[in-house]
Amino acid sequence: MSKTTKASLSGKKSRTVIGHLLHRLKEIGITDIFGVPGDYAFPVNDAICNDPELRWIGTCNELNGAYAADGYARIKGLAALCTTYGVGELSAINGIAGAYAEHLPVFHIVGMPKCAIQLKRGIMHHTLGNGEFDLFHKMTQPVVCASTILTPENTVAEVDRVIDAALTRKQPVYIAVPADFALMELGCAAPHPAVPAASDPQTLETVLDLIAGKLGEAVSPVALVGTLIGRHDLRAEARALVERAGLPFSTLFMGKGTLPESHPNFIGVYNGAILDEAARSVVESSDLVLGLGTIRSDINTGAFTTNIDLSREIRIQPDHVMVGRAVYQNVHIRDVISGLVQRVAPRACPAHPTPAGLGAPQGAPGEAITAGSLYPRIERFFRPGDIIMAETGTSSMGLVTAKLPENTAFYNQTLWGSIGWATPAAFGAAMAAPDRRVVLVTGEGSHQLTVQEISQFGRFGLKPVILCLNNNGYLIERMLCEDPYIYYNDLAQWNYSKLPEAFGMADWFCARAVTNAELDAALEGAARAASGAYVEVVTGTMEASDMALALNRIVFKGGGWKA
């Protein structure tokens, strides 16, 4: 029986509902569970904390816990979150929705009131006072790929079912555990192994022959690598394909860093008409574009300014392949890419543009920090092995064409785009990989939503570098709304560089930079620090990156967003 379907019931702990659930989660690789405790979830909380093979990671609130699980899953491939019923799970649902949109398997465990209480329709705390206890389960349906309420009778089968759904779909699942059922003995001891999904053999052969033939005939083929390659753990296979087929490759913004940007076949990030004309020219002039796990959302395509004729494009997606306008269902991305590595004819990669990155920093030492002086300095600050968590909005947009060092991971929440995501997501990433340096780049507006989670870095002895870009408000909103200076884009001004001390990290390196010289000194200090580091970077109110300025032009000169 495979790892994802095996259900060993040996041992006393795994004979209970919660014991079996945790046993199965450990079998698939879960070792850490984020969350906030609550009385309905106490049996689950206790079981986690009393299990020597699991670690409870408390977060400041449930939303932050969901964001942290999101960041953790980007590194480890899966994550788990535990909240209490009603107030806890609803606080987390925005983060769960983001994990759904961005294809991250998060196991959301919810402690429910006792089934005996539910049957009596009692008016309990954390409910709407109407005796209905399945409302929140129903609310979560659109943002998970599977859900269940465990009982002693269904636990074995249902746990296997939701595990298979999460790992196949790469999306969250919802697992509710009534408090009185959690410690009950299992009523069914037989496992219910799921049948692993497999490609249809004939369709797979057809697709492999067709794609290999088209690649062999193409004069100037190019690969477009998307984020789903990382989500499905296919980086090595995708790299082998572009190397064997001699394909220059680009990425969309959401897939930045999926394959190494130091690779000789890399031509830069393709962001439609708004950035990197060299990468755009190669992609749009190609006679065959091979899309590998791409998501064609608005921000990810430069506000829908990508220009690729479907007749000369192949899109390999998780469960289907598009060749031009023809769609081949029931073929899985791993089988297609692995098969192509074996089938395509080898050839050398042709000459192509090499991305230069952001270039030399602008501005004299004593001058104010601008976008042209800031983002090139941040690019130079990155080092091999870093995990970069860049906040939604202008913080990440300024780095879209930065050239990443070897073995560097770059993440932003391109599709869901919930501001505040990056701070707790960076904490989750740091927990997943404590041996790697995590660099958080966030605007102060986003930071204010979830800032308390930086206290967890100190609590767990982590040493990130946090760059808080203070531009006096919500800059991305200023770039997209009619009146940039309207009051709703303003913020309370904090002493950001003093936040680590206030949150208990008095030993951190902290600095505030207003000039280029101060920024250079702050980044040098952060790089040398034996502790965590926090740098507040102060810029002008409208100091925006090229991508943000381009979006501003599209919105106001092009008549707004156009699909």
Protein backbone atom coordinates (compact mmCIF):
# COMPACT_ATOMS: atom_id res chain seq x y z
CA MET A 1 0.00 0.00 0.00
CA SER A 2 1.37 3.44 -0.90
CA LYS A 3 2.44 6.09 1.60
CA THR A 4 -0.62 8.23 0.86
CA THR A 5 -3.11 5.38 1.28
CA LYS A 6 -1.55 3.26 4.01
CA ALA A 7 -3.51 3.32 7.24
CA SER A 8 -1.73 1.43 9.99
CA LEU A 9 -3.88 1.11 13.07
CA SER A 10 -1.26 -0.40 15.36
CA GLY A 11 -0.60 1.24 18.71
CA LYS A 12 -2.98 2.52 21.34
CA LYS A 13 -2.84 6.18 20.32
CA SER A 14 -3.97 5.51 16.76
CA ARG A 15 -7.05 3.61 17.96
CA THR A 16 -8.93 6.83 18.75
CA VAL A 17 -10.41 9.22 16.22
CA ILE A 18 -7.86 11.96 16.87
CA GLY A 19 -5.05 9.44 17.33
CA HIS A 20 -5.71 7.94 13.93
CA LEU A 21 -5.97 11.34 12.22
CA LEU A 22 -2.64 12.48 13.65
CA HIS A 23 -1.06 9.11 12.87
CA ARG A 24 -2.01 9.43 9.20
CA LEU A 25 -0.86 13.05 9.00
CA LYS A 26 2.51 12.04 10.39
CA GLU A 27 2.74 9.26 7.79
CA ILE A 28 2.47 11.78 4.96
CA GLY A 29 5.09 14.06 6.49
CA ILE A 30 3.29 16.44 8.88
CA THR A 31 5.48 17.23 11.89
CA ASP A 32 4.29 20.76 12.77
CA ILE A 33 0.76 22.05 13.32
CA PHE A 34 0.04 25.79 13.49
CA GLY A 35 -2.92 27.15 15.36
CA VAL A 36 -4.73 28.86 18.21
CA PRO A 37 -6.30 26.76 20.98
CA GLY A 38 -9.98 26.83 21.95
CA ASP A 39 -12.20 24.87 24.28
CA TYR A 40 -13.98 22.87 21.58
CA ALA A 41 -10.56 21.96 20.17
CA PHE A 42 -8.91 21.02 23.49
CA PRO A 43 -8.98 17.24 22.80
CA VAL A 44 -7.21 17.91 19.50
CA ASN A 45 -4.82 20.45 21.04
CA ASP A 46 -3.93 18.04 23.87
CA ALA A 47 -3.32 15.15 21.49
CA ILE A 48 -0.96 17.28 19.38
CA CYS A 49 1.00 18.62 22.34
CA ASN A 50 1.27 15.18 23.97
CA ASP A 51 2.58 13.54 20.82
CA PRO A 52 6.41 13.50 20.88
CA GLU A 53 6.53 13.36 17.08
CA LEU A 54 4.47 16.53 16.60
CA ARG A 55 5.13 20.17 17.40
CA TRP A 56 2.39 22.66 18.21
CA ILE A 57 3.23 26.09 16.78
CA GLY A 58 0.98 28.68 18.37
CA THR A 59 0.27 31.83 16.39
CA CYS A 60 -1.10 35.20 17.47
CA ASN A 61 -4.45 34.65 15.73
CA GLU A 62 -6.06 32.17 13.40
CA LEU A 63 -5.66 34.26 10.24
CA ASN A 64 -1.93 34.49 10.89
CA GLY A 65 -1.89 30.76 11.53
CA ALA A 66 -3.43 30.12 8.11
CA TYR A 67 -0.93 32.44 6.45
CA ALA A 68 1.93 30.74 8.32
CA ALA A 69 0.69 27.33 7.15
CA ASP A 70 0.60 28.74 3.60
CA GLY A 71 4.25 29.84 3.86
CA TYR A 72 5.26 26.53 5.43
CA ALA A 73 3.53 24.55 2.65
CA ARG A 74 5.40 26.51 -0.02
CA ILE A 75 8.64 25.11 1.43
CA LYS A 76 7.63 21.65 2.69
CA GLY A 77 4.86 20.85 0.21
CA LEU A 78 2.09 20.54 2.82
CA ALA A 79 1.09 21.98 6.19
CA ALA A 80 -1.48 21.68 8.97
CA LEU A 81 -3.55 24.19 10.96
CA CYS A 82 -5.80 23.67 13.98
CA THR A 83 -8.51 26.09 15.11
CA THR A 84 -11.59 26.00 17.25
CA TYR A 85 -15.14 26.03 15.95
CA GLY A 86 -16.85 29.15 14.58
CA VAL A 87 -14.81 32.10 15.70
CA GLY A 88 -11.50 30.35 15.06
CA GLU A 89 -12.21 28.72 11.74
CA LEU A 90 -13.87 31.84 10.32
CA SER A 91 -10.86 33.93 11.31
CA ALA A 92 -8.70 31.50 9.34
CA ILE A 93 -10.88 31.20 6.26
CA ASN A 94 -9.25 34.06 4.32
CA GLY A 95 -5.88 32.37 4.64
CA ILE A 96 -7.38 29.02 3.67
CA ALA A 97 -8.94 30.63 0.59
CA GLY A 98 -5.52 31.96 -0.40
CA ALA A 99 -4.03 28.48 -0.06
CA TYR A 100 -6.84 27.15 -2.27
CA ALA A 101 -6.30 29.79 -4.97
CA GLU A 102 -2.54 29.27 -4.95
CA HIS A 103 -2.61 25.44 -4.82
CA LEU A 104 -1.22 24.68 -1.36
CA PRO A 105 -2.34 21.57 0.57
CA VAL A 106 -3.19 22.72 4.09
CA PHE A 107 -4.97 20.35 6.47
CA HIS A 108 -7.37 22.51 8.49
CA ILE A 109 -8.45 20.65 11.64
CA VAL A 110 -11.43 22.17 13.47
CA GLY A 111 -12.51 21.20 16.98
CA MET A 112 -16.34 21.14 17.08
CA PRO A 113 -18.82 21.11 19.99
CA LYS A 114 -19.75 17.64 21.22
CA CYS A 115 -22.09 15.72 18.96
CA ALA A 116 -24.41 15.18 21.96
CA ILE A 117 -24.79 18.95 22.27
CA GLN A 118 -25.35 19.36 18.55
CA LEU A 119 -28.16 16.81 18.59
CA LYS A 120 -29.91 18.78 21.34
CA ARG A 121 -29.54 21.99 19.26
CA GLY A 122 -28.22 23.79 22.32
CA ILE A 123 -27.49 27.52 22.15
CA MET A 124 -23.74 27.46 22.64
CA HIS A 125 -20.96 30.05 22.58
CA HIS A 126 -19.21 30.49 19.22
CA THR A 127 -22.48 29.74 17.42
CA LEU A 128 -25.13 31.95 15.86
CA GLY A 129 -27.53 30.98 18.60
CA ASN A 130 -29.92 29.17 16.25
CA GLY A 131 -29.08 25.57 17.07
CA GLU A 132 -27.47 24.94 13.69
CA PHE A 133 -23.99 23.45 13.88
CA ASP A 134 -23.17 22.69 10.25
CA LEU A 135 -23.22 26.28 9.02
CA PHE A 136 -19.47 26.89 9.20
CA HIS A 137 -18.75 23.55 7.56
CA LYS A 138 -20.95 24.73 4.69
CA MET A 139 -19.24 28.14 4.58
CA THR A 140 -15.85 26.57 3.98
CA GLN A 141 -16.92 24.43 1.01
CA PRO A 142 -15.87 26.85 -1.77
CA VAL A 143 -12.30 27.17 -0.43
CA VAL A 144 -11.37 23.53 0.17
CA CYS A 145 -11.13 20.60 -2.23
CA ALA A 146 -12.60 18.13 0.29
CA SER A 147 -14.13 18.23 3.76
CA THR A 148 -15.37 15.87 6.45
CA ILE A 149 -16.76 15.66 9.96
CA LEU A 150 -15.16 12.67 11.66
CA THR A 151 -17.03 10.02 13.62
CA PRO A 152 -15.72 6.77 15.11
CA GLU A 153 -17.35 4.90 12.23
CA ASN A 154 -16.09 6.97 9.28
CA THR A 155 -12.64 8.16 10.43
CA VAL A 156 -10.48 5.59 8.64
CA ALA A 157 -12.16 6.02 5.26
CA GLU A 158 -12.66 9.78 5.49
CA VAL A 159 -9.12 10.59 6.57
CA ASP A 160 -7.73 8.64 3.62
CA ARG A 161 -10.17 10.36 1.28
CA VAL A 162 -9.27 13.91 2.29
CA ILE A 163 -5.54 13.15 2.32
CA ASP A 164 -5.71 11.86 -1.22
CA ALA A 165 -7.72 14.93 -2.28
CA ALA A 166 -5.25 17.37 -0.72
CA LEU A 167 -2.16 15.71 -2.17
CA THR A 168 -3.68 15.21 -5.61
CA ARG A 169 -5.31 18.62 -5.98
CA LYS A 170 -2.65 20.52 -4.01
CA GLN A 171 -5.36 22.45 -2.14
CA PRO A 172 -6.65 22.68 1.45
CA VAL A 173 -9.02 20.25 3.12
CA TYR A 174 -11.33 20.73 6.12
CA ILE A 175 -11.44 18.13 8.91
CA ALA A 176 -13.88 18.72 11.78
CA VAL A 177 -13.63 16.67 14.96
CA PRO A 178 -16.53 16.81 17.49
CA ALA A 179 -15.03 17.05 20.99
CA ASP A 180 -16.73 13.92 22.33
CA PHE A 181 -15.77 11.85 19.29
CA ALA A 182 -12.08 12.82 19.39
CA LEU A 183 -11.12 10.33 22.11
CA MET A 184 -13.55 7.57 21.17
CA GLU A 185 -12.28 4.22 19.91
CA LEU A 186 -12.51 3.67 16.18
CA GLY A 187 -15.62 1.79 15.13
CA CYS A 188 -14.00 0.54 11.90
CA ALA A 189 -10.48 -0.88 11.94
CA ALA A 190 -10.14 -1.68 8.23
CA PRO A 191 -8.31 0.84 6.00
CA HIS A 192 -10.00 2.10 2.89
CA PRO A 193 -7.12 2.66 0.46
CA ALA A 194 -7.88 5.04 -2.36
CA VAL A 195 -6.95 4.15 -5.91
CA PRO A 196 -4.22 6.54 -7.03
CA ALA A 197 -5.23 8.69 -9.98
CA ALA A 198 -3.42 7.72 -13.16
CA SER A 199 -3.19 9.14 -16.65
CA ASP A 200 -5.25 7.47 -19.33
CA PRO A 201 -2.54 5.43 -21.13
CA GLN A 202 -3.78 5.97 -24.68
CA THR A 203 -4.32 9.69 -24.20
CA LEU A 204 -0.90 10.02 -22.58
CA GLU A 205 0.78 8.31 -25.53
CA THR A 206 -1.09 10.54 -27.96
CA VAL A 207 -0.10 13.68 -26.07
CA LEU A 208 3.56 12.66 -25.72
CA ASP A 209 3.86 11.87 -29.42
CA LEU A 210 2.12 15.10 -30.38
CA ILE A 211 4.20 17.37 -28.14
CA ALA A 212 7.50 15.66 -28.96
CA GLY A 213 6.71 15.98 -32.65
CA LYS A 214 5.86 19.66 -32.39
CA LEU A 215 9.03 20.37 -30.39
CA GLY A 216 11.07 18.57 -33.02
CA GLU A 217 9.51 20.60 -35.82
CA ALA A 218 9.71 24.00 -34.09
CA VAL A 219 12.41 26.44 -35.10
CA SER A 220 12.35 28.69 -32.03
CA PRO A 221 10.54 26.90 -29.19
CA VAL A 222 10.52 28.38 -25.70
CA ALA A 223 9.25 27.16 -22.32
CA LEU A 224 7.10 29.22 -19.97
CA VAL A 225 7.49 27.81 -16.45
CA GLY A 226 4.68 28.33 -13.95
CA THR A 227 4.22 28.02 -10.21
CA LEU A 228 2.39 24.68 -10.45
CA ILE A 229 5.72 23.05 -11.32
CA GLY A 230 6.84 23.87 -7.79
CA ARG A 231 3.54 22.90 -6.18
CA HIS A 232 3.69 19.44 -7.80
CA ASP A 233 7.39 19.03 -6.93
CA LEU A 234 8.47 18.83 -10.55
CA ARG A 235 11.38 21.26 -10.56
CA ALA A 236 13.95 18.57 -11.38
CA GLU A 237 11.78 17.11 -14.16
CA ALA A 238 11.03 20.51 -15.69
CA ARG A 239 14.70 21.43 -15.59
CA ALA A 240 15.62 18.15 -17.26
CA LEU A 241 13.08 18.84 -20.01
CA VAL A 242 14.28 22.35 -20.84
CA GLU A 243 17.88 21.14 -20.84
CA ARG A 244 17.28 18.10 -23.03
CA ALA A 245 15.05 19.96 -25.49
CA GLY A 246 17.37 22.99 -25.54
CA LEU A 247 14.57 25.35 -24.57
CA PRO A 248 15.16 28.93 -23.49
CA PHE A 249 12.76 29.41 -20.59
CA SER A 250 10.93 32.27 -18.97
CA THR A 251 8.55 32.40 -16.03
CA LEU A 252 5.48 34.39 -15.22
CA PHE A 253 5.62 36.54 -12.07
CA MET A 254 3.88 33.88 -9.96
CA GLY A 255 6.45 31.29 -11.01
CA LYS A 256 9.51 33.47 -10.40
CA GLY A 257 12.37 31.38 -9.07
CA THR A 258 10.68 28.03 -9.75
CA LEU A 259 13.71 27.08 -11.82
CA PRO A 260 17.08 28.74 -11.07
CA GLU A 261 17.45 32.18 -12.59
CA SER A 262 21.19 31.47 -12.77
CA HIS A 263 20.47 28.70 -15.30
CA PRO A 264 22.02 29.40 -18.73
CA ASN A 265 18.65 28.80 -20.46
CA PHE A 266 16.85 31.49 -18.42
CA ILE A 267 15.78 34.56 -20.41
CA GLY A 268 13.97 36.57 -17.72
CA VAL A 269 10.45 37.00 -16.36
CA TYR A 270 7.72 37.42 -18.97
CA ASN A 271 5.21 39.97 -17.77
CA GLY A 272 3.42 40.80 -20.98
CA ALA A 273 3.83 44.27 -22.37
CA ILE A 274 4.80 46.02 -19.17
CA LEU A 275 8.31 44.77 -18.32
CA ASP A 276 11.43 43.12 -19.79
CA GLU A 277 11.17 43.74 -23.48
CA ALA A 278 13.90 41.19 -24.21
CA ALA A 279 12.02 38.30 -22.57
CA ARG A 280 8.80 39.47 -24.21
CA SER A 281 10.37 39.47 -27.65
CA VAL A 282 11.68 35.92 -27.30
CA VAL A 283 8.39 34.51 -26.00
CA GLU A 284 6.07 36.32 -28.37
CA SER A 285 8.18 35.65 -31.46
CA SER A 286 8.56 31.95 -30.70
CA ASP A 287 6.85 29.51 -33.05
CA LEU A 288 6.04 27.17 -30.12
CA VAL A 289 5.47 28.16 -26.48
CA LEU A 290 5.45 25.22 -24.07
CA GLY A 291 3.58 26.28 -20.93
CA LEU A 292 4.47 24.22 -17.87
CA GLY A 293 1.96 24.61 -15.03
CA THR A 294 1.15 28.28 -15.57
CA ILE A 295 -1.74 30.27 -14.08
CA ARG A 296 -2.90 33.09 -16.36
CA SER A 297 -4.25 35.58 -13.81
CA ASP A 298 -4.31 39.38 -14.20
CA ILE A 299 -1.19 40.36 -12.24
CA ASN A 300 0.59 37.24 -13.45
CA THR A 301 0.15 38.27 -17.08
CA GLY A 302 0.93 41.98 -16.81
CA ALA A 303 -2.75 42.92 -16.66
CA PHE A 304 -3.56 40.50 -19.49
CA THR A 305 -1.00 42.05 -21.83
CA THR A 306 0.63 38.72 -22.71
CA ASN A 307 0.35 38.05 -26.43
CA ILE A 308 0.71 34.37 -27.32
CA ASP A 309 -1.30 32.89 -30.18
CA LEU A 310 -3.08 29.74 -28.97
CA SER A 311 -2.35 28.04 -32.30
CA ARG A 312 1.34 27.97 -31.40
CA GLU A 313 1.03 27.17 -27.71
CA ILE A 314 0.94 23.98 -25.65
CA ARG A 315 -0.20 24.19 -22.03
CA ILE A 316 0.60 21.30 -19.69
CA GLN A 317 -1.66 21.58 -16.63
CA PRO A 318 -2.10 19.31 -13.58
CA ASP A 319 -4.82 17.12 -15.09
CA HIS A 320 -5.02 18.07 -18.78
CA VAL A 321 -3.04 19.31 -21.75
CA MET A 322 -4.04 21.94 -24.30
CA VAL A 323 -2.45 21.72 -27.74
CA GLY A 324 -3.65 24.81 -29.49
CA ARG A 325 -7.39 24.75 -28.89
CA ALA A 326 -7.61 20.97 -28.47
CA VAL A 327 -7.91 19.72 -24.88
CA TYR A 328 -6.71 16.29 -23.74
CA GLN A 329 -8.19 15.29 -20.38
CA ASN A 330 -7.05 12.70 -17.82
CA VAL A 331 -3.34 13.12 -18.33
CA HIS A 332 -1.30 14.17 -15.33
CA ILE A 333 1.43 16.74 -15.37
CA ARG A 334 4.06 14.48 -13.80
CA ASP A 335 3.47 11.76 -16.38
CA VAL A 336 3.58 14.23 -19.27
CA ILE A 337 6.75 16.04 -18.25
CA SER A 338 8.58 12.86 -17.22
CA GLY A 339 7.52 11.19 -20.46
CA LEU A 340 8.71 14.12 -22.54
CA VAL A 341 12.15 14.01 -20.93
CA GLN A 342 12.48 10.48 -22.30
CA ARG A 343 10.91 11.16 -25.68
CA VAL A 344 12.09 14.54 -27.02
CA ALA A 345 15.13 14.69 -29.22
CA PRO A 346 18.10 16.38 -27.53
CA ARG A 347 19.38 19.64 -28.95
CA ALA A 348 21.45 22.62 -27.88
CA CYS A 349 19.85 25.77 -26.55
CA PRO A 350 20.14 28.61 -29.08
CA ALA A 351 21.63 31.98 -28.24
CA HIS A 352 19.20 34.19 -26.34
CA PRO A 353 19.12 37.35 -24.21
CA THR A 354 20.54 37.04 -20.72
CA PRO A 355 18.65 38.94 -18.02
CA ALA A 356 20.74 41.67 -16.47
CA GLY A 357 18.74 42.13 -13.29
CA LEU A 358 18.04 45.56 -11.85
CA GLY A 359 21.40 47.11 -12.61
CA ALA A 360 23.45 49.48 -10.46
CA PRO A 361 21.69 51.33 -7.64
CA GLN A 362 20.89 54.94 -8.42
CA GLY A 363 21.29 58.00 -6.24
CA ALA A 364 24.05 59.69 -4.26
CA PRO A 365 24.75 58.53 -0.67
CA GLY A 366 23.10 61.53 0.96
CA GLU A 367 20.00 61.53 -1.25
CA ALA A 368 16.58 60.23 -0.36
CA ILE A 369 15.79 56.60 -1.14
CA THR A 370 13.98 56.08 -4.44
CA ALA A 371 12.70 52.99 -6.22
CA GLY A 372 15.78 53.17 -8.43
CA SER A 373 18.11 53.17 -5.42
CA LEU A 374 16.12 50.73 -3.25
CA TYR A 375 15.32 47.65 -5.31
CA PRO A 376 18.78 47.20 -6.87
CA ARG A 377 20.24 47.32 -3.36
CA ILE A 378 17.80 44.68 -2.18
CA GLU A 379 18.73 42.53 -5.19
CA ARG A 380 22.40 42.78 -4.22
CA PHE A 381 21.52 41.91 -0.62
CA PHE A 382 20.11 38.51 -1.60
CA ARG A 383 22.48 35.57 -1.30
CA PRO A 384 22.36 31.94 -2.46
CA GLY A 385 19.93 29.80 -0.46
CA ASP A 386 17.71 32.65 0.69
CA ILE A 387 13.96 32.26 1.00
CA ILE A 388 12.42 35.57 -0.10
CA MET A 389 8.85 36.34 0.96
CA ALA A 390 7.67 39.45 -0.86
CA GLU A 391 4.38 41.06 0.10
CA THR A 392 1.52 41.56 -2.31
CA GLY A 393 1.69 44.96 -4.01
CA THR A 394 4.61 47.25 -4.73
CA SER A 395 7.03 45.38 -2.42
CA SER A 396 7.07 42.35 -4.69
CA MET A 397 6.53 44.30 -7.92
CA GLY A 398 9.83 46.09 -7.43
CA LEU A 399 11.63 42.73 -7.47
CA VAL A 400 9.94 41.05 -10.43
CA THR A 401 12.98 41.50 -12.69
CA ALA A 402 15.61 41.14 -9.96
CA LYS A 403 17.97 38.28 -10.81
CA LEU A 404 17.98 35.71 -8.03
CA PRO A 405 21.13 33.93 -6.84
CA GLU A 406 21.49 30.14 -7.03
CA ASN A 407 19.11 28.05 -4.90
CA THR A 408 17.00 31.07 -3.96
CA ALA A 409 13.25 30.68 -3.41
CA PHE A 410 11.00 33.64 -4.19
CA TYR A 411 7.34 33.74 -3.13
CA ASN A 412 4.55 36.26 -3.30
CA GLN A 413 0.79 35.84 -3.26
CA THR A 414 0.18 36.86 -6.85
CA LEU A 415 -3.33 35.48 -7.35
CA TRP A 416 -5.12 35.76 -3.99
CA GLY A 417 -3.32 39.00 -3.18
CA SER A 418 -4.31 39.43 0.46
CA ILE A 419 -2.26 42.18 2.04
CA GLY A 420 -0.74 41.11 5.33
CA TRP A 421 0.04 37.63 4.01
CA ALA A 422 3.81 37.92 3.82
CA THR A 423 4.70 38.56 7.48
CA PRO A 424 3.17 35.36 8.94
CA ALA A 425 3.96 33.43 5.73
CA ALA A 426 7.62 34.32 6.29
CA PHE A 427 7.34 32.94 9.82
CA GLY A 428 5.87 29.71 8.44
CA ALA A 429 8.65 29.45 5.86
CA ALA A 430 11.28 30.01 8.54
CA MET A 431 9.77 27.24 10.66
CA ALA A 432 9.87 24.93 7.64
CA ALA A 433 13.53 25.71 6.90
CA PRO A 434 15.26 27.11 10.03
CA ASP A 435 18.68 26.52 8.46
CA ARG A 436 18.01 28.97 5.61
CA ARG A 437 17.91 32.77 5.77
CA VAL A 438 14.41 34.16 5.31
CA VAL A 439 14.15 37.68 3.90
CA LEU A 440 10.76 39.36 4.30
CA VAL A 441 10.11 42.38 2.08
CA THR A 442 6.86 44.10 3.05
CA GLY A 443 5.18 47.47 2.83
CA GLU A 444 4.19 49.04 6.12
CA GLY A 445 0.49 49.00 5.21
CA SER A 446 0.45 45.23 4.78
CA HIS A 447 2.73 44.84 7.79
CA GLN A 448 0.23 46.57 10.07
CA LEU A 449 -2.40 43.89 9.41
CA THR A 450 -0.37 40.98 10.79
CA VAL A 451 2.68 42.55 12.43
CA GLN A 452 2.29 40.77 15.78
CA GLU A 453 3.49 37.56 14.18
CA ILE A 454 7.07 38.83 14.14
CA SER A 455 7.07 38.01 17.86
CA GLN A 456 7.01 34.33 16.88
CA PHE A 457 10.39 34.65 15.18
CA GLY A 458 11.86 35.56 18.54
CA ARG A 459 9.86 32.92 20.41
CA PHE A 460 11.27 30.14 18.24
CA GLY A 461 14.80 31.54 17.95
CA LEU A 462 14.58 32.33 14.24
CA LYS A 463 16.76 34.98 12.59
CA PRO A 464 15.05 36.52 9.58
CA VAL A 465 15.83 39.78 7.85
CA ILE A 466 12.74 42.01 7.70
CA LEU A 467 12.73 44.96 5.31
CA CYS A 468 9.72 47.17 6.03
CA LEU A 469 9.19 49.70 3.23
CA ASN A 470 7.51 52.76 4.73
CA ASN A 471 5.96 54.94 2.01
CA ASN A 472 3.34 56.62 4.18
CA GLY A 473 0.30 54.56 3.22
CA TYR A 474 -1.10 51.99 0.84
CA LEU A 475 1.06 52.67 -2.23
CA ILE A 476 -0.44 50.02 -4.50
CA GLU A 477 -3.92 51.41 -3.75
CA ARG A 478 -2.68 54.92 -4.52
CA MET A 479 -1.43 53.61 -7.88
CA LEU A 480 -4.78 52.03 -8.77
CA CYS A 481 -7.40 54.45 -7.43
CA GLU A 482 -8.58 57.72 -8.97
CA ASP A 483 -7.33 60.01 -6.17
CA PRO A 484 -3.97 58.75 -4.84
CA TYR A 485 -4.13 61.03 -1.79
CA ILE A 486 -7.66 60.19 -0.71
CA TYR A 487 -7.86 59.67 3.04
CA TYR A 488 -8.52 55.92 3.02
CA ASN A 489 -5.00 55.30 1.72
CA ASP A 490 -3.42 56.93 4.79
CA LEU A 491 -2.10 55.04 7.82
CA ALA A 492 -1.18 55.66 11.42
CA GLN A 493 2.58 56.16 11.54
CA TRP A 494 4.46 53.73 13.76
CA ASN A 495 8.04 53.60 14.95
CA TYR A 496 8.60 50.45 12.92
CA SER A 497 12.26 49.91 13.75
CA LYS A 498 11.32 49.68 17.44
CA LEU A 499 8.77 46.91 16.95
CA PRO A 500 11.17 43.99 17.54
CA GLU A 501 12.08 45.34 20.97
CA ALA A 502 8.41 45.88 21.80
CA PHE A 503 7.70 42.28 20.79
CA GLY A 504 10.49 40.88 22.95
CA MET A 505 13.48 40.75 20.58
CA ALA A 506 15.74 43.32 22.24
CA ASP A 507 18.84 41.60 20.82
CA TRP A 508 17.87 42.07 17.15
CA PHE A 509 19.74 44.39 14.84
CA CYS A 510 17.36 47.26 14.05
CA ALA A 511 17.82 50.33 11.88
CA ARG A 512 15.87 53.08 10.15
CA ALA A 513 17.09 54.33 6.77
CA VAL A 514 16.04 57.58 5.08
CA THR A 515 19.03 58.11 2.78
CA ASN A 516 20.94 55.79 0.49
CA ALA A 517 23.97 55.87 2.78
CA GLU A 518 21.82 54.88 5.75
CA LEU A 519 20.28 52.08 3.70
CA ASP A 520 23.73 50.76 2.73
CA ALA A 521 24.80 50.78 6.38
CA ALA A 522 21.57 49.11 7.50
CA LEU A 523 21.82 46.32 4.92
CA GLU A 524 25.47 45.75 5.81
CA GLY A 525 24.53 45.52 9.48
CA ALA A 526 21.66 43.16 8.73
CA ALA A 527 23.94 40.90 6.68
CA ARG A 528 26.47 40.67 9.53
CA ALA A 529 23.96 40.31 12.37
CA ALA A 530 24.09 37.15 14.45
CA SER A 531 20.47 37.82 15.41
CA GLY A 532 17.34 38.63 13.48
CA ALA A 533 17.39 41.97 11.68
CA TYR A 534 14.73 44.60 11.08
CA VAL A 535 15.25 47.56 8.74
CA GLU A 536 12.67 50.30 8.21
CA VAL A 537 13.20 51.88 4.79
CA VAL A 538 11.57 55.28 4.36
CA THR A 539 10.71 56.47 0.84
CA GLY A 540 8.54 59.14 -0.72
CA THR A 541 4.78 58.62 -0.71
CA MET A 542 4.53 57.91 -4.46
CA GLU A 543 7.92 56.24 -4.96
CA ALA A 544 6.87 53.25 -7.07
CA SER A 545 8.57 50.51 -9.08
CA ASP A 546 8.34 50.19 -12.87
CA MET A 547 5.71 47.45 -12.67
CA ALA A 548 3.47 49.49 -10.37
CA LEU A 549 3.83 52.51 -12.67
CA ALA A 550 2.97 50.36 -15.68
CA LEU A 551 -0.18 49.06 -13.98
CA ASN A 552 -1.11 52.63 -13.17
CA ARG A 553 -0.84 53.54 -16.86
CA ILE A 554 -2.93 50.54 -17.90
CA VAL A 555 -5.69 51.30 -15.40
CA PHE A 556 -5.96 55.00 -16.16
CA LYS A 557 -4.92 55.29 -19.79
CA GLY A 558 -6.09 51.91 -21.04
CA GLY A 559 -9.61 52.06 -19.61
CA GLY A 560 -9.06 49.77 -16.63
CA TRP A 561 -8.47 46.04 -16.24
CA LYS A 562 -9.35 44.02 -19.31
CA ALA A 563 -9.51 40.22 -19.41
